[in-house]
């Protein structure tokens, strides 16, 4: 791990760097991204702006570092689908666990994902790539599952697996980022997950689940 000027960071330096990232993550959960300043992050971490600039070019650079770490964890979402069956009751369990895992991941990383979504929406390719890395971890596995069902004659031959998978993943991401808003529609969190899982199951298999 190196500093901005290329020097190798020692153990203390790495600890300071991580503390700055942890403090920034905490601040993003309670303050708008645009309002977070280097001096505030440094003060919260008990160090100076000069120290911050040893490790990051600016707040955005540090945010991208947090986002990269989060995206690396997001790659593990593919495990929610690997080797899973979509037949019968097992298919219903697969769709439920996919929804649970996806929404839980979004909830855990809500603050940084809001920043990633903002950057991606504004056309920043760095944030767009991070967002797609997370979504691709589910999209590819989902498309493969649909294609496999199609090869067995259990999904209509006119279905485009990639189009369906992409639509389902986009839906999951939109719902995940709007979880708090469902309460204003009279929908409880406990009601949201099974209904979303139902839509996922219908999308993948074209059938109502066997419960």
C-alpha atoms as a PDB file:
ATOM      1  CA  UNK A   1       0.000   0.000   0.000  1.00  0.00           C
ATOM      2  CA  UNK A   2       1.513   3.309  -1.101  1.00  0.00           C
ATOM      3  CA  UNK A   3       1.076   6.981  -0.297  1.00  0.00           C
ATOM      4  CA  UNK A   4       0.045   9.518  -2.950  1.00  0.00           C
ATOM      5  CA  UNK A   5       3.712  10.298  -3.662  1.00  0.00           C
ATOM      6  CA  UNK A   6       4.546   6.611  -4.157  1.00  0.00           C
ATOM      7  CA  UNK A   7       6.161   5.762  -0.810  1.00  0.00           C
ATOM      8  CA  UNK A   8       5.281   2.429   0.820  1.00  0.00           C
ATOM      9  CA  UNK A   9       3.031   2.968   3.845  1.00  0.00           C
ATOM     10  CA  UNK A  10       4.175   1.262   7.042  1.00  0.00           C
ATOM     11  CA  UNK A  11       1.941  -0.450   9.585  1.00  0.00           C
ATOM     12  CA  UNK A  12       1.081   2.805  11.369  1.00  0.00           C
ATOM     13  CA  UNK A  13       0.480   4.546   8.071  1.00  0.00           C
ATOM     14  CA  UNK A  14      -1.870   1.794   6.921  1.00  0.00           C
ATOM     15  CA  UNK A  15      -3.762   2.018  10.213  1.00  0.00           C
ATOM     16  CA  UNK A  16      -4.111   5.794   9.823  1.00  0.00           C
ATOM     17  CA  UNK A  17      -5.258   5.386   6.234  1.00  0.00           C
ATOM     18  CA  UNK A  18      -7.929   2.862   7.253  1.00  0.00           C
ATOM     19  CA  UNK A  19      -9.061   5.079  10.125  1.00  0.00           C
ATOM     20  CA  UNK A  20      -9.575   7.953   7.674  1.00  0.00           C
ATOM     21  CA  UNK A  21     -11.670   5.658   5.450  1.00  0.00           C
ATOM     22  CA  UNK A  22     -13.714   4.429   8.436  1.00  0.00           C
ATOM     23  CA  UNK A  23     -14.391   7.990   9.588  1.00  0.00           C
ATOM     24  CA  UNK A  24     -15.369   9.036   6.059  1.00  0.00           C
ATOM     25  CA  UNK A  25     -17.759   6.057   5.803  1.00  0.00           C
ATOM     26  CA  UNK A  26     -19.359   7.072   9.086  1.00  0.00           C
ATOM     27  CA  UNK A  27     -19.741  10.674   7.926  1.00  0.00           C
ATOM     28  CA  UNK A  28     -21.345   9.617   4.640  1.00  0.00           C
ATOM     29  CA  UNK A  29     -24.089   7.841   6.575  1.00  0.00           C
ATOM     30  CA  UNK A  30     -25.119  11.074   8.289  1.00  0.00           C
ATOM     31  CA  UNK A  31     -24.081  13.893   5.920  1.00  0.00           C
ATOM     32  CA  UNK A  32     -24.665  14.634   2.218  1.00  0.00           C
ATOM     33  CA  UNK A  33     -21.638  13.599   0.142  1.00  0.00           C
ATOM     34  CA  UNK A  34     -21.071  17.134  -1.192  1.00  0.00           C
ATOM     35  CA  UNK A  35     -20.885  18.524   2.357  1.00  0.00           C
ATOM     36  CA  UNK A  36     -18.050  16.276   3.517  1.00  0.00           C
ATOM     37  CA  UNK A  37     -14.735  18.173   3.623  1.00  0.00           C
ATOM     38  CA  UNK A  38     -11.175  16.913   4.077  1.00  0.00           C
ATOM     39  CA  UNK A  39     -10.674  18.978   7.240  1.00  0.00           C
ATOM     40  CA  UNK A  40     -13.772  17.403   8.830  1.00  0.00           C
ATOM     41  CA  UNK A  41     -12.669  13.846   8.002  1.00  0.00           C
ATOM     42  CA  UNK A  42      -9.161  14.535   9.351  1.00  0.00           C
ATOM     43  CA  UNK A  43     -10.529  16.090  12.540  1.00  0.00           C
ATOM     44  CA  UNK A  44     -12.833  13.120  13.135  1.00  0.00           C
ATOM     45  CA  UNK A  45      -9.889  10.747  12.650  1.00  0.00           C
ATOM     46  CA  UNK A  46      -7.763  12.782  15.075  1.00  0.00           C
ATOM     47  CA  UNK A  47      -5.218  13.798  12.458  1.00  0.00           C
ATOM     48  CA  UNK A  48      -4.502  16.649  10.034  1.00  0.00           C
ATOM     49  CA  UNK A  49      -5.584  17.496   6.461  1.00  0.00           C
ATOM     50  CA  UNK A  50      -1.911  17.141   5.465  1.00  0.00           C
ATOM     51  CA  UNK A  51      -2.000  13.531   6.642  1.00  0.00           C
ATOM     52  CA  UNK A  52      -5.208  12.916   4.688  1.00  0.00           C
ATOM     53  CA  UNK A  53      -3.524  14.198   1.507  1.00  0.00           C
ATOM     54  CA  UNK A  54      -0.638  11.785   2.040  1.00  0.00           C
ATOM     55  CA  UNK A  55      -3.045   8.921   1.299  1.00  0.00           C
ATOM     56  CA  UNK A  56      -5.795  10.373  -0.888  1.00  0.00           C
ATOM     57  CA  UNK A  57      -5.864  13.112  -3.556  1.00  0.00           C
ATOM     58  CA  UNK A  58      -9.246  14.380  -2.297  1.00  0.00           C
ATOM     59  CA  UNK A  59     -12.510  13.237  -0.677  1.00  0.00           C
ATOM     60  CA  UNK A  60     -13.670  11.717  -3.963  1.00  0.00           C
ATOM     61  CA  UNK A  61     -10.509   9.609  -4.174  1.00  0.00           C
ATOM     62  CA  UNK A  62     -11.147   8.253  -0.687  1.00  0.00           C
ATOM     63  CA  UNK A  63     -14.802   7.607  -1.512  1.00  0.00           C
ATOM     64  CA  UNK A  64     -13.748   5.586  -4.568  1.00  0.00           C
ATOM     65  CA  UNK A  65     -11.462   3.536  -2.324  1.00  0.00           C
ATOM     66  CA  UNK A  66     -14.396   2.716  -0.009  1.00  0.00           C
ATOM     67  CA  UNK A  67     -16.560   1.942  -3.051  1.00  0.00           C
ATOM     68  CA  UNK A  68     -13.922  -0.437  -4.445  1.00  0.00           C
ATOM     69  CA  UNK A  69     -13.791  -2.322  -1.136  1.00  0.00           C
ATOM     70  CA  UNK A  70     -17.582  -2.540  -1.109  1.00  0.00           C
ATOM     71  CA  UNK A  71     -17.685  -3.762  -4.721  1.00  0.00           C
ATOM     72  CA  UNK A  72     -15.160  -6.500  -3.885  1.00  0.00           C
ATOM     73  CA  UNK A  73     -17.522  -7.684  -1.158  1.00  0.00           C
ATOM     74  CA  UNK A  74     -20.446  -7.370  -3.602  1.00  0.00           C
ATOM     75  CA  UNK A  75     -18.777  -9.872  -5.915  1.00  0.00           C
ATOM     76  CA  UNK A  76     -19.721 -12.461  -3.293  1.00  0.00           C
ATOM     77  CA  UNK A  77     -23.397 -11.978  -4.164  1.00  0.00           C
ATOM     78  CA  UNK A  78     -22.879 -14.471  -6.975  1.00  0.00           C
ATOM     79  CA  UNK A  79     -22.738 -17.190  -4.284  1.00  0.00           C
ATOM     80  CA  UNK A  80     -26.473 -16.649  -3.728  1.00  0.00           C
ATOM     81  CA  UNK A  81     -27.066 -18.330  -7.098  1.00  0.00           C
ATOM     82  CA  UNK A  82     -24.146 -20.687  -7.692  1.00  0.00           C
ATOM     83  CA  UNK A  83     -25.273 -24.299  -7.884  1.00  0.00           C
ATOM     84  CA  UNK A  84     -28.795 -23.416  -6.798  1.00  0.00           C
ATOM     85  CA  UNK A  85     -31.928 -25.103  -8.118  1.00  0.00           C
ATOM     86  CA  UNK A  86     -34.982 -23.290  -9.493  1.00  0.00           C
ATOM     87  CA  UNK A  87     -37.164 -26.414  -9.461  1.00  0.00           C
ATOM     88  CA  UNK A  88     -40.119 -26.810  -7.094  1.00  0.00           C
ATOM     89  CA  UNK A  89     -39.770 -25.701  -3.498  1.00  0.00           C
ATOM     90  CA  UNK A  90     -36.006 -25.297  -3.940  1.00  0.00           C
ATOM     91  CA  UNK A  91     -36.693 -22.591  -6.549  1.00  0.00           C
ATOM     92  CA  UNK A  92     -38.829 -20.653  -4.104  1.00  0.00           C
ATOM     93  CA  UNK A  93     -36.048 -20.862  -1.512  1.00  0.00           C
ATOM     94  CA  UNK A  94     -33.485 -19.692  -4.073  1.00  0.00           C
ATOM     95  CA  UNK A  95     -35.529 -16.615  -4.982  1.00  0.00           C
ATOM     96  CA  UNK A  96     -36.113 -15.767  -1.302  1.00  0.00           C
ATOM     97  CA  UNK A  97     -32.433 -16.070  -0.406  1.00  0.00           C
ATOM     98  CA  UNK A  98     -31.415 -13.984  -3.421  1.00  0.00           C
ATOM     99  CA  UNK A  99     -33.776 -11.202  -2.360  1.00  0.00           C
ATOM    100  CA  UNK A 100     -32.671 -11.429   1.287  1.00  0.00           C
ATOM    101  CA  UNK A 101     -28.973 -11.315   0.386  1.00  0.00           C
ATOM    102  CA  UNK A 102     -29.366  -8.502  -2.141  1.00  0.00           C
ATOM    103  CA  UNK A 103     -31.458  -6.252   0.113  1.00  0.00           C
ATOM    104  CA  UNK A 104     -29.242  -6.924   3.126  1.00  0.00           C
ATOM    105  CA  UNK A 105     -26.111  -6.016   1.127  1.00  0.00           C
ATOM    106  CA  UNK A 106     -27.746  -2.759  -0.035  1.00  0.00           C
ATOM    107  CA  UNK A 107     -28.872  -1.909   3.490  1.00  0.00           C
ATOM    108  CA  UNK A 108     -25.398  -2.558   4.918  1.00  0.00           C
ATOM    109  CA  UNK A 109     -23.714  -0.318   2.330  1.00  0.00           C
ATOM    110  CA  UNK A 110     -26.538   2.185   1.886  1.00  0.00           C
ATOM    111  CA  UNK A 111     -24.434   5.331   2.419  1.00  0.00           C
ATOM    112  CA  UNK A 112     -21.672   4.519  -0.097  1.00  0.00           C
ATOM    113  CA  UNK A 113     -24.138   3.063  -2.615  1.00  0.00           C
ATOM    114  CA  UNK A 114     -26.044   6.368  -2.631  1.00  0.00           C
ATOM    115  CA  UNK A 115     -22.791   8.108  -3.600  1.00  0.00           C
ATOM    116  CA  UNK A 116     -22.022   5.476  -6.245  1.00  0.00           C
ATOM    117  CA  UNK A 117     -25.519   5.849  -7.722  1.00  0.00           C
ATOM    118  CA  UNK A 118     -25.129   9.640  -7.767  1.00  0.00           C
ATOM    119  CA  UNK A 119     -21.756   9.478  -9.503  1.00  0.00           C
ATOM    120  CA  UNK A 120     -22.995   6.900 -12.022  1.00  0.00           C
ATOM    121  CA  UNK A 121     -26.108   8.974 -12.769  1.00  0.00           C
ATOM    122  CA  UNK A 122     -23.892  11.997 -13.433  1.00  0.00           C
ATOM    123  CA  UNK A 123     -21.873  10.004 -15.969  1.00  0.00           C
ATOM    124  CA  UNK A 124     -18.734   9.389 -13.919  1.00  0.00           C
ATOM    125  CA  UNK A 125     -17.337   6.202 -15.484  1.00  0.00           C
ATOM    126  CA  UNK A 126     -15.437   5.245 -12.321  1.00  0.00           C
ATOM    127  CA  UNK A 127     -18.628   5.073 -10.267  1.00  0.00           C
ATOM    128  CA  UNK A 128     -20.525   3.469 -13.159  1.00  0.00           C
ATOM    129  CA  UNK A 129     -17.965   0.635 -13.363  1.00  0.00           C
ATOM    130  CA  UNK A 130     -18.247   0.006  -9.609  1.00  0.00           C
ATOM    131  CA  UNK A 131     -22.046  -0.091  -9.798  1.00  0.00           C
ATOM    132  CA  UNK A 132     -21.949  -2.498 -12.747  1.00  0.00           C
ATOM    133  CA  UNK A 133     -19.411  -4.725 -10.986  1.00  0.00           C
ATOM    134  CA  UNK A 134     -21.921  -5.250  -8.165  1.00  0.00           C
ATOM    135  CA  UNK A 135     -24.894  -5.790 -10.466  1.00  0.00           C
ATOM    136  CA  UNK A 136     -22.922  -8.096 -12.776  1.00  0.00           C
ATOM    137  CA  UNK A 137     -22.187 -10.423  -9.863  1.00  0.00           C
ATOM    138  CA  UNK A 138     -25.891 -11.310  -9.858  1.00  0.00           C
ATOM    139  CA  UNK A 139     -26.814 -10.611 -13.480  1.00  0.00           C
ATOM    140  CA  UNK A 140     -24.465 -13.174 -15.034  1.00  0.00           C
ATOM    141  CA  UNK A 141     -25.507 -15.995 -12.695  1.00  0.00           C
ATOM    142  CA  UNK A 142     -29.192 -15.175 -13.152  1.00  0.00           C
ATOM    143  CA  UNK A 143     -28.887 -15.147 -16.958  1.00  0.00           C
ATOM    144  CA  UNK A 144     -27.102 -18.520 -16.813  1.00  0.00           C
ATOM    145  CA  UNK A 145     -29.907 -19.960 -14.653  1.00  0.00           C
ATOM    146  CA  UNK A 146     -32.581 -18.803 -17.098  1.00  0.00           C
ATOM    147  CA  UNK A 147     -30.608 -20.107 -20.095  1.00  0.00           C
ATOM    148  CA  UNK A 148     -30.221 -23.501 -18.397  1.00  0.00           C
ATOM    149  CA  UNK A 149     -33.974 -23.718 -17.733  1.00  0.00           C
ATOM    150  CA  UNK A 150     -34.565 -22.713 -21.347  1.00  0.00           C
ATOM    151  CA  UNK A 151     -32.268 -25.494 -22.615  1.00  0.00           C
ATOM    152  CA  UNK A 152     -34.383 -27.988 -20.664  1.00  0.00           C
ATOM    153  CA  UNK A 153     -37.587 -26.660 -22.215  1.00  0.00           C
ATOM    154  CA  UNK A 154     -38.820 -25.206 -18.916  1.00  0.00           C
ATOM    155  CA  UNK A 155     -38.647 -21.586 -20.125  1.00  0.00           C
ATOM    156  CA  UNK A 156     -40.163 -20.318 -23.378  1.00  0.00           C
ATOM    157  CA  UNK A 157     -37.657 -20.352 -26.267  1.00  0.00           C
ATOM    158  CA  UNK A 158     -38.536 -16.738 -27.161  1.00  0.00           C
ATOM    159  CA  UNK A 159     -37.247 -15.455 -23.799  1.00  0.00           C
ATOM    160  CA  UNK A 160     -33.925 -13.594 -23.873  1.00  0.00           C
ATOM    161  CA  UNK A 161     -32.108 -14.723 -20.683  1.00  0.00           C
ATOM    162  CA  UNK A 162     -29.866 -11.648 -20.545  1.00  0.00           C
ATOM    163  CA  UNK A 163     -32.775  -9.236 -21.000  1.00  0.00           C
ATOM    164  CA  UNK A 164     -34.837 -10.921 -18.268  1.00  0.00           C
ATOM    165  CA  UNK A 165     -31.866 -11.180 -15.889  1.00  0.00           C
ATOM    166  CA  UNK A 166     -30.930  -7.543 -16.479  1.00  0.00           C
ATOM    167  CA  UNK A 167     -34.499  -6.414 -15.855  1.00  0.00           C
ATOM    168  CA  UNK A 168     -34.721  -8.415 -12.622  1.00  0.00           C
ATOM    169  CA  UNK A 169     -31.388  -7.094 -11.341  1.00  0.00           C
ATOM    170  CA  UNK A 170     -32.355  -3.506 -12.191  1.00  0.00           C
ATOM    171  CA  UNK A 171     -35.615  -4.074 -10.300  1.00  0.00           C
ATOM    172  CA  UNK A 172     -33.761  -5.488  -7.290  1.00  0.00           C
ATOM    173  CA  UNK A 173     -31.375  -2.511  -7.234  1.00  0.00           C
ATOM    174  CA  UNK A 174     -34.235   0.002  -7.527  1.00  0.00           C
ATOM    175  CA  UNK A 175     -36.223  -1.663  -4.743  1.00  0.00           C
ATOM    176  CA  UNK A 176     -33.115  -2.038  -2.561  1.00  0.00           C
ATOM    177  CA  UNK A 177     -32.336   1.682  -2.783  1.00  0.00           C
ATOM    178  CA  UNK A 178     -35.974   2.552  -2.032  1.00  0.00           C
ATOM    179  CA  UNK A 179     -36.491   0.225   0.961  1.00  0.00           C
ATOM    180  CA  UNK A 180     -37.341   3.037   3.396  1.00  0.00           C
ATOM    181  CA  UNK A 181     -39.837   4.529   0.948  1.00  0.00           C
ATOM    182  CA  UNK A 182     -42.089   1.475   0.950  1.00  0.00           C
ATOM    183  CA  UNK A 183     -43.339   2.310   4.441  1.00  0.00           C
ATOM    184  CA  UNK A 184     -44.982   5.457   3.039  1.00  0.00           C
ATOM    185  CA  UNK A 185     -46.977   3.118   0.755  1.00  0.00           C
ATOM    186  CA  UNK A 186     -48.085   1.070   3.743  1.00  0.00           C
ATOM    187  CA  UNK A 187     -45.708  -1.802   2.957  1.00  0.00           C
ATOM    188  CA  UNK A 188     -43.795  -3.375   5.847  1.00  0.00           C
ATOM    189  CA  UNK A 189     -40.291  -4.761   5.335  1.00  0.00           C
ATOM    190  CA  UNK A 190     -41.559  -8.247   6.243  1.00  0.00           C
ATOM    191  CA  UNK A 191     -44.111  -7.980   3.408  1.00  0.00           C
ATOM    192  CA  UNK A 192     -41.704  -6.553   0.850  1.00  0.00           C
ATOM    193  CA  UNK A 193     -39.254  -9.458   0.680  1.00  0.00           C
ATOM    194  CA  UNK A 194     -41.670 -12.333  -0.109  1.00  0.00           C
ATOM    195  CA  UNK A 195     -43.498 -10.264  -2.729  1.00  0.00           C
ATOM    196  CA  UNK A 196     -40.233  -9.271  -4.378  1.00  0.00           C
ATOM    197  CA  UNK A 197     -39.119 -12.924  -4.268  1.00  0.00           C
ATOM    198  CA  UNK A 198     -42.372 -13.853  -6.003  1.00  0.00           C
ATOM    199  CA  UNK A 199     -41.582 -11.454  -8.877  1.00  0.00           C
ATOM    200  CA  UNK A 200     -38.035 -12.839  -9.156  1.00  0.00           C
ATOM    201  CA  UNK A 201     -39.328 -16.432  -9.237  1.00  0.00           C
ATOM    202  CA  UNK A 202     -41.930 -15.574 -11.898  1.00  0.00           C
ATOM    203  CA  UNK A 203     -39.292 -13.753 -13.933  1.00  0.00           C
ATOM    204  CA  UNK A 204     -36.808 -16.627 -13.864  1.00  0.00           C
ATOM    205  CA  UNK A 205     -39.132 -19.621 -14.206  1.00  0.00           C
ATOM    206  CA  UNK A 206     -42.301 -18.132 -15.688  1.00  0.00           C
ATOM    207  CA  UNK A 207     -44.217 -20.011 -12.989  1.00  0.00           C
ATOM    208  CA  UNK A 208     -45.715 -19.365  -9.569  1.00  0.00           C
ATOM    209  CA  UNK A 209     -43.531 -20.883  -6.849  1.00  0.00           C
ATOM    210  CA  UNK A 210     -44.277 -24.153  -5.088  1.00  0.00           C
ATOM    211  CA  UNK A 211     -44.280 -23.227  -1.407  1.00  0.00           C
END
